[in-house]
Amino acid sequence: MRMGRSTAGIARMTLGMAAVLALTPVLGCHPKGSKAPAWVQSAPLGCSMALSGQLGWLVENREFQAALAKFPLADQTLDLFLRKAKIHPEGETGRVTLYVFDLPKDSNGKPEAMAGEFLIQFDGFRDPRALQLALAESFPPEGSIVIDKKDCPLYVMMDINNVKVRALVDPQQRILVGDLRALGRRSSQGTFSQRPNAMGAGEWIDPTAPIAGFVNPDALLKGIGSKLPGEVTREIPQGLDSLVWSITPAPDPKSPHRLELAIGGSPEAINQASHWVQRLVAAAGQIGVQQQVAPVLMQEKTRVGIRCTATSDQLNAILSNLGQPWFSLNSGKKPLKA
């Protein structure tokens, strides 16, 4: 999306945000001990982005499938695990998260090479012990790997030429699935739980939102996805640690959906990021109908966030400008369900 915008439109939104911000206390820091969603805390330090959603919502909609299709073997791996583990999505509380190390530059990427660029995580299931038992019963064991300083047994899921897909249970009882190369990167790099500013942003999104995501600001600065408009890249402040978003779709696809977006980073970067967030949302607000409720801007020393409602087209424009044009709320034919 081109970041063109009407001065009057942005002025109205900026003034509205300023009024809200004036009522929002600016705190020195956030409490010690993060309450960010588990999938944010366990994001590998080296990943470029992540896409996370409730299992029941994902299997009924095609948006997540469209994202998986960008990574050969990712959709096959997920399908195999769900079938073997006999997971029934109805009423399931669990989340599935796709972590991406490097995005494919085109659709002609070599499947074997791209298989090492993603990890799939399962967490928050109603009966995690039953899921772990199904894993052990469905796939043969083979060696182990150290995750978060603990030796975790590996289970063989799939071998295709040089691709060796394995599954494991990490020390926090989450299940990780991916090629040995991707699991090795997770082992050596650690997670975003080691970065307090990154976790602070995660605390400001809805942990139960049907669909959510994470973007590494460093990856944005490098033009991740090869489709990020140049003017957007130039406006991204240096010193940001994380950018996290969540969407709660409206029952009616034509109604506005709820968006929460938060950024964590150094105090200097956050001062600049607050203006960038306002411009990003204001530009999308020029597409289609205007918001019925003014956006709410929240800012503290090391994080800034915004909550607003937006149409599907507006959300797609925002996600595209966050380097995620490969995910769209309009990509499937089935109605969105909250």
Protein backbone atom coordinates (compact mmCIF):
# COMPACT_ATOMS: atom_id res chain seq x y z
CA MET A 1 0.00 0.00 0.00
CA ARG A 2 1.27 3.45 -0.82
CA MET A 3 1.54 5.54 2.31
CA GLY A 4 -0.15 8.56 0.78
CA ARG A 5 -2.58 10.27 3.17
CA SER A 6 -4.75 13.34 3.40
CA THR A 7 -3.47 16.00 5.78
CA ALA A 8 -6.95 16.61 7.15
CA GLY A 9 -7.56 12.92 7.81
CA ILE A 10 -4.31 12.49 9.70
CA ALA A 11 -4.84 15.70 11.61
CA ARG A 12 -8.23 14.46 12.84
CA MET A 13 -6.79 11.11 13.93
CA THR A 14 -3.65 12.63 15.47
CA LEU A 15 -5.70 15.11 17.51
CA GLY A 16 -7.94 12.29 18.69
CA MET A 17 -4.95 10.21 19.71
CA ALA A 18 -3.36 13.17 21.46
CA ALA A 19 -6.52 13.65 23.52
CA VAL A 20 -6.49 10.02 24.57
CA LEU A 21 -2.77 10.09 25.28
CA ALA A 22 -3.26 13.09 27.54
CA LEU A 23 -5.48 10.90 29.72
CA THR A 24 -3.09 7.95 29.68
CA PRO A 25 -0.43 7.99 32.44
CA VAL A 26 3.11 7.74 31.10
CA LEU A 27 4.86 5.31 33.42
CA GLY A 28 8.58 4.96 33.89
CA CYS A 29 8.68 1.21 33.31
CA HIS A 30 6.48 -1.85 33.23
CA PRO A 31 6.35 -4.42 36.05
CA LYS A 32 9.09 -7.02 36.33
CA GLY A 33 8.05 -10.44 35.03
CA SER A 34 6.37 -10.49 31.64
CA LYS A 35 2.74 -11.43 31.07
CA ALA A 36 3.24 -11.60 27.31
CA PRO A 37 1.59 -14.57 25.55
CA ALA A 38 3.60 -17.80 25.66
CA TRP A 39 4.10 -17.79 21.89
CA VAL A 40 5.76 -14.33 22.12
CA GLN A 41 8.02 -15.36 25.00
CA SER A 42 9.19 -18.46 23.13
CA ALA A 43 9.88 -16.71 19.81
CA PRO A 44 13.46 -17.55 18.71
CA LEU A 45 15.74 -14.52 18.87
CA GLY A 46 16.73 -15.03 15.25
CA CYS A 47 13.22 -15.21 13.79
CA SER A 48 12.00 -12.47 11.45
CA MET A 49 8.32 -12.88 12.21
CA ALA A 50 5.66 -15.17 13.61
CA LEU A 51 2.01 -15.91 12.96
CA SER A 52 -0.04 -17.39 15.81
CA GLY A 53 -3.67 -18.42 16.11
CA GLN A 54 -6.22 -20.52 17.91
CA LEU A 55 -6.31 -23.98 16.37
CA GLY A 56 -10.09 -24.01 15.98
CA TRP A 57 -10.06 -20.66 14.17
CA LEU A 58 -7.15 -21.60 11.93
CA VAL A 59 -8.59 -24.82 10.57
CA GLU A 60 -11.84 -23.08 9.63
CA ASN A 61 -10.17 -20.26 7.73
CA ARG A 62 -7.78 -20.16 4.81
CA GLU A 63 -5.62 -17.20 5.82
CA PHE A 64 -3.24 -19.31 7.88
CA GLN A 65 -3.16 -21.97 5.17
CA ALA A 66 -2.17 -19.30 2.66
CA ALA A 67 0.75 -18.33 4.89
CA LEU A 68 1.83 -21.95 5.32
CA ALA A 69 1.75 -22.45 1.56
CA LYS A 70 4.69 -20.06 1.26
CA PHE A 71 6.84 -22.68 2.98
CA PRO A 72 6.94 -26.06 1.27
CA LEU A 73 6.46 -28.88 3.79
CA ALA A 74 5.06 -26.54 6.49
CA ASP A 75 1.44 -27.35 5.71
CA GLN A 76 2.30 -31.03 5.24
CA THR A 77 4.09 -31.08 8.59
CA LEU A 78 1.17 -29.44 10.41
CA ASP A 79 -1.37 -31.78 8.81
CA LEU A 80 0.69 -34.84 9.69
CA PHE A 81 1.00 -33.82 13.33
CA LEU A 82 -2.71 -33.03 13.72
CA ARG A 83 -3.71 -36.36 12.20
CA LYS A 84 -1.25 -38.51 14.12
CA ALA A 85 -1.92 -36.76 17.42
CA LYS A 86 -5.69 -37.09 16.81
CA ILE A 87 -6.31 -33.44 17.68
CA HIS A 88 -9.94 -32.34 17.40
CA PRO A 89 -10.18 -28.55 16.87
CA GLU A 90 -13.72 -28.20 18.23
CA GLY A 91 -13.52 -26.40 21.56
CA GLU A 92 -9.74 -26.69 21.66
CA THR A 93 -7.94 -23.90 23.52
CA GLY A 94 -4.54 -24.58 21.99
CA ARG A 95 -2.59 -22.26 19.74
CA VAL A 96 -0.46 -23.00 16.71
CA THR A 97 2.41 -20.63 15.94
CA LEU A 98 4.48 -20.45 12.78
CA TYR A 99 7.93 -18.93 13.41
CA VAL A 100 9.78 -17.70 10.33
CA PHE A 101 13.54 -17.15 10.27
CA ASP A 102 13.83 -15.80 6.73
CA LEU A 103 10.94 -15.14 4.36
CA PRO A 104 11.05 -16.68 0.87
CA LYS A 105 11.97 -14.06 -1.72
CA ASP A 106 9.75 -15.67 -4.36
CA SER A 107 7.50 -18.66 -4.95
CA ASN A 108 10.28 -20.59 -6.66
CA GLY A 109 12.30 -21.18 -3.53
CA LYS A 110 13.84 -24.61 -3.19
CA PRO A 111 11.67 -26.70 -0.83
CA GLU A 112 14.64 -28.35 0.88
CA ALA A 113 16.31 -25.02 1.61
CA MET A 114 13.10 -23.36 2.80
CA ALA A 115 12.26 -26.26 5.12
CA GLY A 116 14.93 -24.98 7.50
CA GLU A 117 13.34 -21.52 7.72
CA PHE A 118 10.32 -22.28 9.89
CA LEU A 119 9.27 -23.82 13.19
CA ILE A 120 5.75 -24.74 14.31
CA GLN A 121 4.83 -24.55 17.99
CA PHE A 122 1.84 -26.03 19.84
CA ASP A 123 0.94 -24.63 23.27
CA GLY A 124 -2.01 -23.89 25.54
CA PHE A 125 -3.87 -27.11 24.79
CA ARG A 126 -6.55 -28.32 27.20
CA ASP A 127 -4.73 -31.59 27.88
CA PRO A 128 -1.01 -31.11 27.17
CA ARG A 129 -0.07 -34.47 28.71
CA ALA A 130 -2.37 -36.32 26.33
CA LEU A 131 -0.84 -34.41 23.43
CA GLN A 132 2.67 -35.31 24.54
CA LEU A 133 1.66 -38.97 24.95
CA ALA A 134 0.22 -38.98 21.43
CA LEU A 135 3.50 -37.55 20.16
CA ALA A 136 5.53 -40.30 21.83
CA GLU A 137 3.17 -43.02 20.60
CA SER A 138 2.90 -41.77 17.01
CA PHE A 139 6.54 -41.05 16.16
CA PRO A 140 9.73 -43.04 16.91
CA PRO A 141 12.39 -41.45 19.15
CA GLU A 142 15.78 -40.46 17.74
CA GLY A 143 18.43 -38.69 19.79
CA SER A 144 17.92 -35.39 21.58
CA ILE A 145 18.71 -31.67 21.41
CA VAL A 146 19.35 -29.07 24.12
CA ILE A 147 16.58 -26.47 24.42
CA ASP A 148 16.82 -23.82 27.15
CA LYS A 149 19.62 -25.77 28.86
CA LYS A 150 17.62 -28.99 29.00
CA ASP A 151 18.11 -32.15 26.96
CA CYS A 152 14.90 -32.75 24.97
CA PRO A 153 14.24 -36.08 23.18
CA LEU A 154 13.52 -35.87 19.45
CA TYR A 155 10.78 -37.74 17.61
CA VAL A 156 11.00 -38.56 13.89
CA MET A 157 8.12 -37.10 11.88
CA MET A 158 9.38 -37.00 8.32
CA ASP A 159 12.54 -37.58 6.23
CA ILE A 160 12.57 -36.29 2.65
CA ASN A 161 16.04 -36.18 1.07
CA ASN A 162 17.98 -33.68 3.19
CA VAL A 163 14.92 -32.55 5.14
CA LYS A 164 14.64 -34.14 8.58
CA VAL A 165 11.50 -32.98 10.39
CA ARG A 166 11.53 -33.71 14.11
CA ALA A 167 9.27 -32.94 17.08
CA LEU A 168 10.13 -32.31 20.73
CA VAL A 169 8.64 -31.17 24.03
CA ASP A 170 10.48 -28.13 25.38
CA PRO A 171 11.09 -27.46 29.12
CA GLN A 172 7.90 -25.35 29.26
CA GLN A 173 5.86 -28.33 27.95
CA ARG A 174 5.32 -26.75 24.52
CA ILE A 175 5.74 -28.90 21.41
CA LEU A 176 8.11 -27.70 18.70
CA VAL A 177 8.14 -29.18 15.21
CA GLY A 178 10.60 -28.40 12.42
CA ASP A 179 13.62 -29.42 10.40
CA LEU A 180 16.75 -30.19 12.42
CA ARG A 181 18.35 -27.02 11.05
CA ALA A 182 15.54 -24.85 12.42
CA LEU A 183 15.54 -26.67 15.77
CA GLY A 184 19.29 -26.12 15.93
CA ARG A 185 18.80 -22.38 15.49
CA ARG A 186 16.22 -22.36 18.28
CA SER A 187 18.68 -24.25 20.49
CA SER A 188 21.57 -21.87 19.91
CA GLN A 189 19.78 -18.52 19.81
CA GLY A 190 17.50 -18.50 22.84
CA THR A 191 14.17 -16.66 22.91
CA PHE A 192 12.68 -13.19 23.18
CA SER A 193 11.96 -13.85 26.86
CA GLN A 194 15.56 -12.69 27.34
CA ARG A 195 14.66 -9.19 26.10
CA PRO A 196 12.40 -7.27 28.56
CA ASN A 197 11.49 -4.52 26.09
CA ALA A 198 10.35 -7.09 23.56
CA MET A 199 8.19 -8.77 26.19
CA GLY A 200 6.66 -5.47 27.27
CA ALA A 201 5.07 -5.00 23.86
CA GLY A 202 3.60 -8.49 23.98
CA GLU A 203 1.76 -7.65 27.21
CA TRP A 204 -0.39 -5.12 25.36
CA ILE A 205 -2.05 -7.50 22.94
CA ASP A 206 -4.92 -9.89 23.61
CA PRO A 207 -3.42 -13.34 24.42
CA THR A 208 -6.70 -14.99 23.38
CA ALA A 209 -7.05 -13.23 20.01
CA PRO A 210 -7.84 -15.75 17.23
CA ILE A 211 -4.98 -14.45 15.09
CA ALA A 212 -1.82 -12.55 16.06
CA GLY A 213 1.70 -11.97 14.90
CA PHE A 214 5.19 -10.74 15.66
CA VAL A 215 7.62 -8.78 13.47
CA ASN A 216 11.30 -8.25 14.18
CA PRO A 217 11.93 -4.52 13.52
CA ASP A 218 15.47 -5.32 12.33
CA ALA A 219 13.93 -7.49 9.61
CA LEU A 220 11.64 -4.60 8.63
CA LEU A 221 14.64 -2.30 8.28
CA LYS A 222 16.17 -4.83 5.91
CA GLY A 223 13.04 -4.77 3.74
CA ILE A 224 11.65 -8.16 4.73
CA GLY A 225 9.37 -9.69 2.16
CA SER A 226 10.83 -7.52 -0.63
CA LYS A 227 7.51 -5.64 -0.84
CA LEU A 228 7.82 -3.09 1.94
CA PRO A 229 7.40 0.46 0.58
CA GLY A 230 10.61 2.46 0.80
CA GLU A 231 8.99 5.37 2.64
CA VAL A 232 7.78 3.03 5.38
CA THR A 233 11.25 1.55 5.84
CA ARG A 234 12.81 5.00 6.11
CA GLU A 235 10.40 6.00 8.89
CA ILE A 236 11.09 2.99 11.14
CA PRO A 237 13.14 4.17 14.16
CA GLN A 238 16.37 2.45 15.13
CA GLY A 239 16.49 0.77 18.54
CA LEU A 240 13.15 -1.12 18.43
CA ASP A 241 13.07 -4.64 19.90
CA SER A 242 9.69 -6.00 18.84
CA LEU A 243 6.43 -5.27 17.08
CA VAL A 244 3.44 -7.42 18.08
CA TRP A 245 -0.14 -7.33 16.79
CA SER A 246 -3.40 -9.17 17.36
CA ILE A 247 -6.72 -9.23 15.52
CA THR A 248 -10.12 -10.27 16.83
CA PRO A 249 -12.31 -10.69 13.74
CA ALA A 250 -15.90 -9.51 13.89
CA PRO A 251 -18.61 -12.18 13.45
CA ASP A 252 -19.69 -10.34 10.30
CA PRO A 253 -16.77 -10.00 7.82
CA LYS A 254 -18.16 -6.62 6.70
CA SER A 255 -17.99 -5.19 10.21
CA PRO A 256 -14.84 -3.58 11.67
CA HIS A 257 -12.40 -5.93 13.41
CA ARG A 258 -10.44 -5.16 16.58
CA LEU A 259 -6.73 -4.50 16.13
CA GLU A 260 -4.09 -4.20 18.85
CA LEU A 261 -0.55 -3.25 17.93
CA ALA A 262 2.36 -2.68 20.32
CA ILE A 263 6.05 -1.87 19.94
CA GLY A 264 8.85 -2.30 22.46
CA GLY A 265 12.27 -0.66 22.43
CA SER A 266 14.59 1.95 23.90
CA PRO A 267 13.05 5.19 25.25
CA GLU A 268 14.52 7.17 22.36
CA ALA A 269 13.14 4.79 19.76
CA ILE A 270 9.69 4.68 21.40
CA ASN A 271 9.39 8.48 21.24
CA GLN A 272 9.81 8.25 17.47
CA ALA A 273 7.77 5.07 17.11
CA SER A 274 4.63 6.65 18.58
CA HIS A 275 4.46 9.06 15.62
CA TRP A 276 5.20 6.25 13.16
CA VAL A 277 2.35 4.13 14.56
CA GLN A 278 -0.06 7.04 14.29
CA ARG A 279 0.87 7.65 10.66
CA LEU A 280 0.64 3.94 9.83
CA VAL A 281 -2.88 3.58 11.21
CA ALA A 282 -4.02 6.99 9.92
CA ALA A 283 -2.97 6.12 6.37
CA ALA A 284 -4.91 2.87 6.49
CA GLY A 285 -7.86 4.80 7.88
CA GLN A 286 -8.19 6.63 4.57
CA ILE A 287 -9.26 3.34 2.92
CA GLY A 288 -13.01 2.74 2.90
CA VAL A 289 -15.21 3.70 5.83
CA GLN A 290 -13.91 5.76 8.70
CA GLN A 291 -13.68 4.45 12.24
CA GLN A 292 -16.70 4.78 14.49
CA VAL A 293 -14.50 4.78 17.60
CA ALA A 294 -11.32 6.85 17.92
CA PRO A 295 -8.09 4.86 18.28
CA VAL A 296 -6.60 4.59 21.77
CA LEU A 297 -2.87 5.29 22.02
CA MET A 298 -0.92 4.07 25.06
CA GLN A 299 2.69 4.98 25.76
CA GLU A 300 5.24 4.23 28.44
CA LYS A 301 8.98 4.67 28.55
CA THR A 302 9.88 1.50 26.64
CA ARG A 303 6.67 0.64 24.76
CA VAL A 304 3.88 2.20 22.76
CA GLY A 305 0.64 0.62 21.64
CA ILE A 306 -2.57 1.36 19.81
CA ARG A 307 -6.02 -0.20 19.89
CA CYS A 308 -8.54 0.48 17.17
CA THR A 309 -11.13 -1.03 14.86
CA ALA A 310 -10.57 -1.45 11.14
CA THR A 311 -12.14 -3.06 8.10
CA SER A 312 -10.58 -6.07 6.39
CA ASP A 313 -9.07 -3.82 3.69
CA GLN A 314 -7.62 -1.47 6.30
CA LEU A 315 -6.12 -4.36 8.26
CA ASN A 316 -4.62 -5.84 5.09
CA ALA A 317 -3.03 -2.46 4.32
CA ILE A 318 -1.51 -2.26 7.81
CA LEU A 319 -0.20 -5.84 7.69
CA SER A 320 1.28 -5.23 4.26
CA ASN A 321 3.16 -2.23 5.58
CA LEU A 322 4.46 -4.35 8.43
CA GLY A 323 6.17 -6.59 5.89
CA GLN A 324 3.43 -9.23 5.88
CA PRO A 325 1.69 -8.93 2.49
CA TRP A 326 1.62 -12.74 2.36
CA PHE A 327 -1.12 -12.81 5.00
CA SER A 328 -4.57 -11.46 4.13
CA LEU A 329 -7.92 -11.43 5.87
CA ASN A 330 -9.56 -11.70 2.46
CA SER A 331 -7.69 -14.75 1.21
CA GLY A 332 -10.34 -17.30 2.14
CA LYS A 333 -13.99 -17.77 1.18
CA LYS A 334 -15.20 -18.94 4.56
CA PRO A 335 -16.63 -16.30 6.94
CA LEU A 336 -14.46 -15.06 9.76
CA LYS A 337 -15.43 -16.28 13.20
CA ALA A 338 -14.44 -14.74 16.50
